[in-house]
Every structure is written in structure tokens, then in C-alpha cells.
């Protein structure tokens, strides 16, 4: 990154990160894709998820984001769940 970033930024010890905007991704069209994943037979038959609790969490999340709110939803949990499921699907059977 030498020559691209200013030296004061490039050599700074304390770095600043940011979260992915999953709260936006898991609203509208992204919410539909999330539900497709969670309600898919592969996901449902995996046997490692508490499906009744997950249905409650998804319903709560949908109610919150339908109001346009980004706080106090289940975005972080759902983000981790999606990543776990996609990772599991990438492992050869």
C-alpha cells in the first residue's frame, strides 16, 4: 500500500474497521433470499439448528426491519448463521 495510502494512515497502529451493512442486506430482497436459505430442505434437514427457535428469531427480525429499523434486530446472529450454512454447503459430502 506504500505510495497508495498516506504514510500516517498506512503506518497507524490503531486501525479502524467497519461492519458489513447486513442490516440492509437482510431487509427487502435480501430478506427473501435469507428466508429461501433458512426454509430450504438442505438447511431444515441438517439437524443442527433449533428450527422452532429460528422461526421465532426470523419472525422477530422481519417485524423489526419491516418498520425500517436497523437497531435491535437479529442481523448479527443471522449473518453468522448464513455464513455457517454457506460454509457447510461448500464442504464436499
Protein backbone atom coordinates (compact mmCIF):
# COMPACT_ATOMS: atom_id res chain seq x y z
CA UNK A 1 0.00 0.00 0.00
CA UNK A 2 3.10 2.17 0.04
CA UNK A 3 2.54 5.00 -2.38
CA UNK A 4 -1.22 4.47 -2.35
CA UNK A 5 -2.19 5.36 1.21
CA UNK A 6 -0.72 8.30 3.09
CA UNK A 7 2.08 7.17 5.44
CA UNK A 8 0.20 8.42 8.51
CA UNK A 9 -2.70 6.11 7.61
CA UNK A 10 -0.64 3.18 6.39
CA UNK A 11 1.64 3.03 9.43
CA UNK A 12 -1.01 3.83 12.04
CA UNK A 13 -1.05 1.17 14.77
CA UNK A 14 -4.69 1.57 15.71
CA UNK A 15 -6.77 0.50 12.73
CA UNK A 16 -10.44 1.24 12.30
CA UNK A 17 -12.73 -1.37 10.84
CA UNK A 18 -16.37 -1.43 9.94
CA UNK A 19 -19.17 -3.94 9.84
CA UNK A 20 -20.79 -5.14 6.68
CA UNK A 21 -24.21 -3.49 6.20
CA UNK A 22 -26.03 -6.77 6.77
CA UNK A 23 -28.94 -4.89 8.39
CA UNK A 24 -29.61 -3.51 4.90
CA UNK A 25 -28.87 -6.80 3.18
CA UNK A 26 -31.36 -8.66 5.39
CA UNK A 27 -34.22 -6.34 4.52
CA UNK A 28 -36.36 -6.34 1.36
CA UNK A 29 -34.91 -8.65 -1.33
CA UNK A 30 -32.15 -9.87 0.95
CA UNK A 31 -34.75 -10.95 3.49
CA UNK A 32 -36.42 -13.08 0.82
CA UNK A 33 -33.09 -14.71 -0.02
CA UNK A 34 -32.40 -15.28 3.67
CA UNK A 35 -35.78 -16.98 4.06
CA UNK A 36 -35.13 -19.13 0.98
CA UNK A 37 -31.92 -20.35 2.60
CA UNK A 38 -33.47 -20.99 6.03
CA UNK A 39 -36.56 -22.71 4.62
CA UNK A 40 -34.60 -24.83 2.14
CA UNK A 41 -34.73 -28.61 2.63
CA UNK A 42 -30.93 -28.76 2.91
CA UNK A 43 -30.96 -26.29 5.80
CA UNK A 44 -34.01 -27.82 7.50
CA UNK A 45 -32.72 -31.38 7.30
CA UNK A 46 -29.22 -30.60 8.52
CA UNK A 47 -30.23 -31.46 12.09
CA UNK A 48 -28.03 -28.92 13.86
CA UNK A 49 -30.41 -25.98 14.11
CA UNK A 50 -33.25 -25.40 16.57
CA UNK A 51 -35.80 -24.73 13.86
CA UNK A 52 -38.66 -23.62 16.11
CA UNK A 53 -36.43 -21.04 17.82
CA UNK A 54 -35.02 -19.96 14.49
CA UNK A 55 -38.53 -19.40 13.12
CA UNK A 56 -39.23 -17.10 16.09
CA UNK A 57 -35.98 -15.17 15.55
CA UNK A 58 -36.70 -14.77 11.84
CA UNK A 59 -40.25 -13.55 12.53
CA UNK A 60 -38.96 -11.02 15.07
CA UNK A 61 -36.29 -9.84 12.65
CA UNK A 62 -38.81 -9.46 9.83
CA UNK A 63 -41.17 -7.45 12.06
CA UNK A 64 -38.36 -5.10 13.08
CA UNK A 65 -36.95 -4.48 9.60
CA UNK A 66 -40.44 -4.05 8.12
CA UNK A 67 -40.64 -0.89 10.27
CA UNK A 68 -37.41 0.35 8.71
CA UNK A 69 -35.45 -0.09 11.92
CA UNK A 70 -31.85 -1.25 11.91
CA UNK A 71 -31.36 -1.50 15.67
CA UNK A 72 -32.25 -4.35 17.99
CA UNK A 73 -32.80 -6.80 15.17
CA UNK A 74 -31.19 -10.22 14.78
CA UNK A 75 -28.89 -9.22 11.93
CA UNK A 76 -25.63 -10.33 13.56
CA UNK A 77 -26.95 -13.76 14.51
CA UNK A 78 -28.48 -14.25 11.05
CA UNK A 79 -25.24 -13.10 9.39
CA UNK A 80 -23.31 -15.75 11.33
CA UNK A 81 -25.95 -18.37 10.54
CA UNK A 82 -25.81 -17.64 6.80
CA UNK A 83 -22.03 -17.84 6.81
CA UNK A 84 -22.08 -21.14 8.71
CA UNK A 85 -24.62 -22.65 6.34
CA UNK A 86 -22.79 -21.49 3.21
CA UNK A 87 -19.54 -22.84 4.63
CA UNK A 88 -21.18 -26.20 5.40
CA UNK A 89 -22.50 -26.34 1.84
CA UNK A 90 -19.01 -25.76 0.48
CA UNK A 91 -17.64 -28.90 2.16
CA UNK A 92 -17.72 -31.94 -0.12
CA UNK A 93 -20.09 -34.63 1.16
